[in-house]
Amino acid sequence: MQTSTIEIGRVIRLGRGWADVSINRKTRRVSVRPDLLIRVGDSLKIVHDQAVSCLRPQ
């Protein structure tokens, strides 16, 4: 059985093809897909060091 690494963090900086995400008071840079529309302050779900979904605050 394969286990997957899943983390959720808040976007603090954006660039072309990358995002800096704060997870447990540590900053990580992850690759983001060009079709993923995210903004600073959004929550991002990260699976295996790649951003896969955006969780908008309500």
N, C-alpha and C. Protein backbone atom coordinates (compact mmCIF):
# COMPACT_ATOMS: atom_id res chain seq x y z
N MET A 1 0.84 -1.17 0.00
CA MET A 1 0.00 0.00 0.00
C MET A 1 0.89 1.24 0.00
N GLN A 2 0.51 2.22 -0.79
CA GLN A 2 1.29 3.43 -0.92
C GLN A 2 0.69 4.54 -0.07
N THR A 3 1.56 5.23 0.67
CA THR A 3 1.08 6.36 1.46
C THR A 3 1.45 7.65 0.75
N SER A 4 0.60 8.67 0.88
CA SER A 4 0.87 9.94 0.23
C SER A 4 1.08 11.02 1.29
N THR A 5 1.97 11.93 0.98
CA THR A 5 2.24 13.06 1.86
C THR A 5 1.31 14.19 1.50
N ILE A 6 0.43 14.56 2.43
CA ILE A 6 -0.53 15.63 2.19
C ILE A 6 -0.35 16.69 3.27
N GLU A 7 -0.17 17.95 2.84
CA GLU A 7 -0.04 19.07 3.77
C GLU A 7 -0.94 20.20 3.30
N ILE A 8 -1.41 21.00 4.23
CA ILE A 8 -2.22 22.17 3.89
C ILE A 8 -1.55 23.39 4.50
N GLY A 9 -1.36 24.42 3.68
CA GLY A 9 -0.72 25.64 4.16
C GLY A 9 -1.31 26.88 3.51
N ARG A 10 -0.87 28.04 3.98
CA ARG A 10 -1.37 29.31 3.48
C ARG A 10 -0.34 29.94 2.54
N VAL A 11 -0.80 30.44 1.39
CA VAL A 11 0.08 31.06 0.39
C VAL A 11 0.52 32.43 0.91
N ILE A 12 1.85 32.65 0.92
CA ILE A 12 2.36 33.94 1.37
C ILE A 12 3.02 34.74 0.24
N ARG A 13 3.51 34.06 -0.81
CA ARG A 13 4.09 34.73 -1.98
C ARG A 13 3.82 33.90 -3.22
N LEU A 14 3.71 34.60 -4.36
CA LEU A 14 3.47 33.91 -5.63
C LEU A 14 4.48 34.35 -6.66
N GLY A 15 4.80 33.46 -7.56
CA GLY A 15 5.65 33.77 -8.69
C GLY A 15 5.13 33.01 -9.91
N ARG A 16 5.87 33.09 -10.98
CA ARG A 16 5.47 32.40 -12.20
C ARG A 16 5.84 30.92 -12.08
N GLY A 17 4.84 30.08 -11.80
CA GLY A 17 5.07 28.65 -11.69
C GLY A 17 5.43 28.17 -10.30
N TRP A 18 5.43 29.04 -9.30
CA TRP A 18 5.75 28.62 -7.94
C TRP A 18 4.94 29.44 -6.93
N ALA A 19 4.86 28.91 -5.72
CA ALA A 19 4.21 29.60 -4.61
C ALA A 19 4.96 29.28 -3.33
N ASP A 20 5.14 30.28 -2.48
CA ASP A 20 5.69 30.06 -1.15
C ASP A 20 4.52 29.84 -0.21
N VAL A 21 4.56 28.72 0.51
CA VAL A 21 3.46 28.32 1.37
C VAL A 21 3.97 28.17 2.79
N SER A 22 3.25 28.72 3.75
CA SER A 22 3.60 28.61 5.16
C SER A 22 2.88 27.40 5.75
N ILE A 23 3.69 26.43 6.23
CA ILE A 23 3.16 25.21 6.84
C ILE A 23 3.84 25.04 8.19
N ASN A 24 3.06 25.09 9.26
CA ASN A 24 3.60 24.93 10.62
C ASN A 24 4.76 25.88 10.89
N ARG A 25 4.58 27.14 10.54
CA ARG A 25 5.57 28.22 10.74
C ARG A 25 6.85 28.03 9.94
N LYS A 26 6.82 27.19 8.92
CA LYS A 26 7.96 27.02 8.01
C LYS A 26 7.49 27.35 6.61
N THR A 27 8.38 27.93 5.81
CA THR A 27 8.04 28.31 4.45
C THR A 27 8.58 27.28 3.48
N ARG A 28 7.72 26.84 2.57
CA ARG A 28 8.12 25.89 1.53
C ARG A 28 7.75 26.45 0.18
N ARG A 29 8.60 26.25 -0.81
CA ARG A 29 8.30 26.65 -2.18
C ARG A 29 7.85 25.42 -2.95
N VAL A 30 6.68 25.52 -3.57
CA VAL A 30 6.13 24.40 -4.32
C VAL A 30 5.82 24.85 -5.74
N SER A 31 5.83 23.91 -6.65
CA SER A 31 5.45 24.17 -8.04
C SER A 31 3.94 24.22 -8.14
N VAL A 32 3.44 25.17 -8.92
CA VAL A 32 1.99 25.26 -9.13
C VAL A 32 1.70 25.17 -10.62
N ARG A 33 0.57 24.59 -10.94
CA ARG A 33 0.16 24.47 -12.34
C ARG A 33 -0.33 25.82 -12.83
N PRO A 34 -0.16 26.11 -14.13
CA PRO A 34 -0.61 27.40 -14.65
C PRO A 34 -2.13 27.57 -14.66
N ASP A 35 -2.88 26.47 -14.66
CA ASP A 35 -4.34 26.59 -14.67
C ASP A 35 -4.93 26.69 -13.26
N LEU A 36 -4.10 26.65 -12.23
CA LEU A 36 -4.56 26.77 -10.86
C LEU A 36 -4.56 28.25 -10.47
N LEU A 37 -5.75 28.82 -10.30
CA LEU A 37 -5.87 30.25 -9.99
C LEU A 37 -5.85 30.43 -8.49
N ILE A 38 -4.73 30.95 -8.00
CA ILE A 38 -4.58 31.16 -6.56
C ILE A 38 -4.16 32.59 -6.29
N ARG A 39 -4.40 33.02 -5.06
CA ARG A 39 -4.01 34.35 -4.61
C ARG A 39 -3.31 34.21 -3.27
N VAL A 40 -2.60 35.27 -2.89
CA VAL A 40 -1.97 35.30 -1.58
C VAL A 40 -3.07 35.26 -0.52
N GLY A 41 -2.90 34.41 0.48
CA GLY A 41 -3.89 34.25 1.53
C GLY A 41 -4.74 33.01 1.38
N ASP A 42 -4.76 32.42 0.20
CA ASP A 42 -5.52 31.19 -0.03
C ASP A 42 -4.82 30.01 0.65
N SER A 43 -5.59 29.00 0.98
CA SER A 43 -5.02 27.77 1.50
C SER A 43 -4.75 26.84 0.32
N LEU A 44 -3.64 26.13 0.40
CA LEU A 44 -3.24 25.26 -0.69
C LEU A 44 -3.00 23.86 -0.14
N LYS A 45 -3.54 22.87 -0.82
CA LYS A 45 -3.31 21.47 -0.45
C LYS A 45 -2.15 20.97 -1.30
N ILE A 46 -1.16 20.39 -0.65
CA ILE A 46 0.06 19.94 -1.33
C ILE A 46 0.18 18.44 -1.18
N VAL A 47 0.30 17.74 -2.31
CA VAL A 47 0.48 16.30 -2.31
C VAL A 47 1.77 16.00 -3.05
N HIS A 48 2.69 15.33 -2.38
CA HIS A 48 4.00 14.97 -2.97
C HIS A 48 4.72 16.18 -3.56
N ASP A 49 4.81 17.28 -2.82
CA ASP A 49 5.55 18.49 -3.20
C ASP A 49 4.99 19.20 -4.42
N GLN A 50 3.76 18.97 -4.80
CA GLN A 50 3.13 19.70 -5.88
C GLN A 50 1.75 20.16 -5.43
N ALA A 51 1.42 21.42 -5.69
CA ALA A 51 0.13 21.95 -5.31
C ALA A 51 -0.94 21.34 -6.21
N VAL A 52 -2.01 20.88 -5.60
CA VAL A 52 -3.05 20.23 -6.38
C VAL A 52 -4.41 20.87 -6.23
N SER A 53 -4.65 21.62 -5.17
CA SER A 53 -5.96 22.24 -5.03
C SER A 53 -5.88 23.50 -4.20
N CYS A 54 -6.84 24.34 -4.41
CA CYS A 54 -6.91 25.61 -3.70
C CYS A 54 -8.18 25.61 -2.86
N LEU A 55 -8.03 25.90 -1.59
CA LEU A 55 -9.15 25.93 -0.68
C LEU A 55 -9.44 27.39 -0.33
N ARG A 56 -10.47 27.96 -0.92
CA ARG A 56 -10.81 29.37 -0.70
C ARG A 56 -11.43 29.58 0.68
N PRO A 57 -10.97 30.63 1.39
CA PRO A 57 -11.63 30.96 2.66
C PRO A 57 -13.03 31.50 2.40
N GLN A 58 -13.95 31.24 3.30
CA GLN A 58 -15.33 31.69 3.09
C GLN A 58 -15.71 32.75 4.06
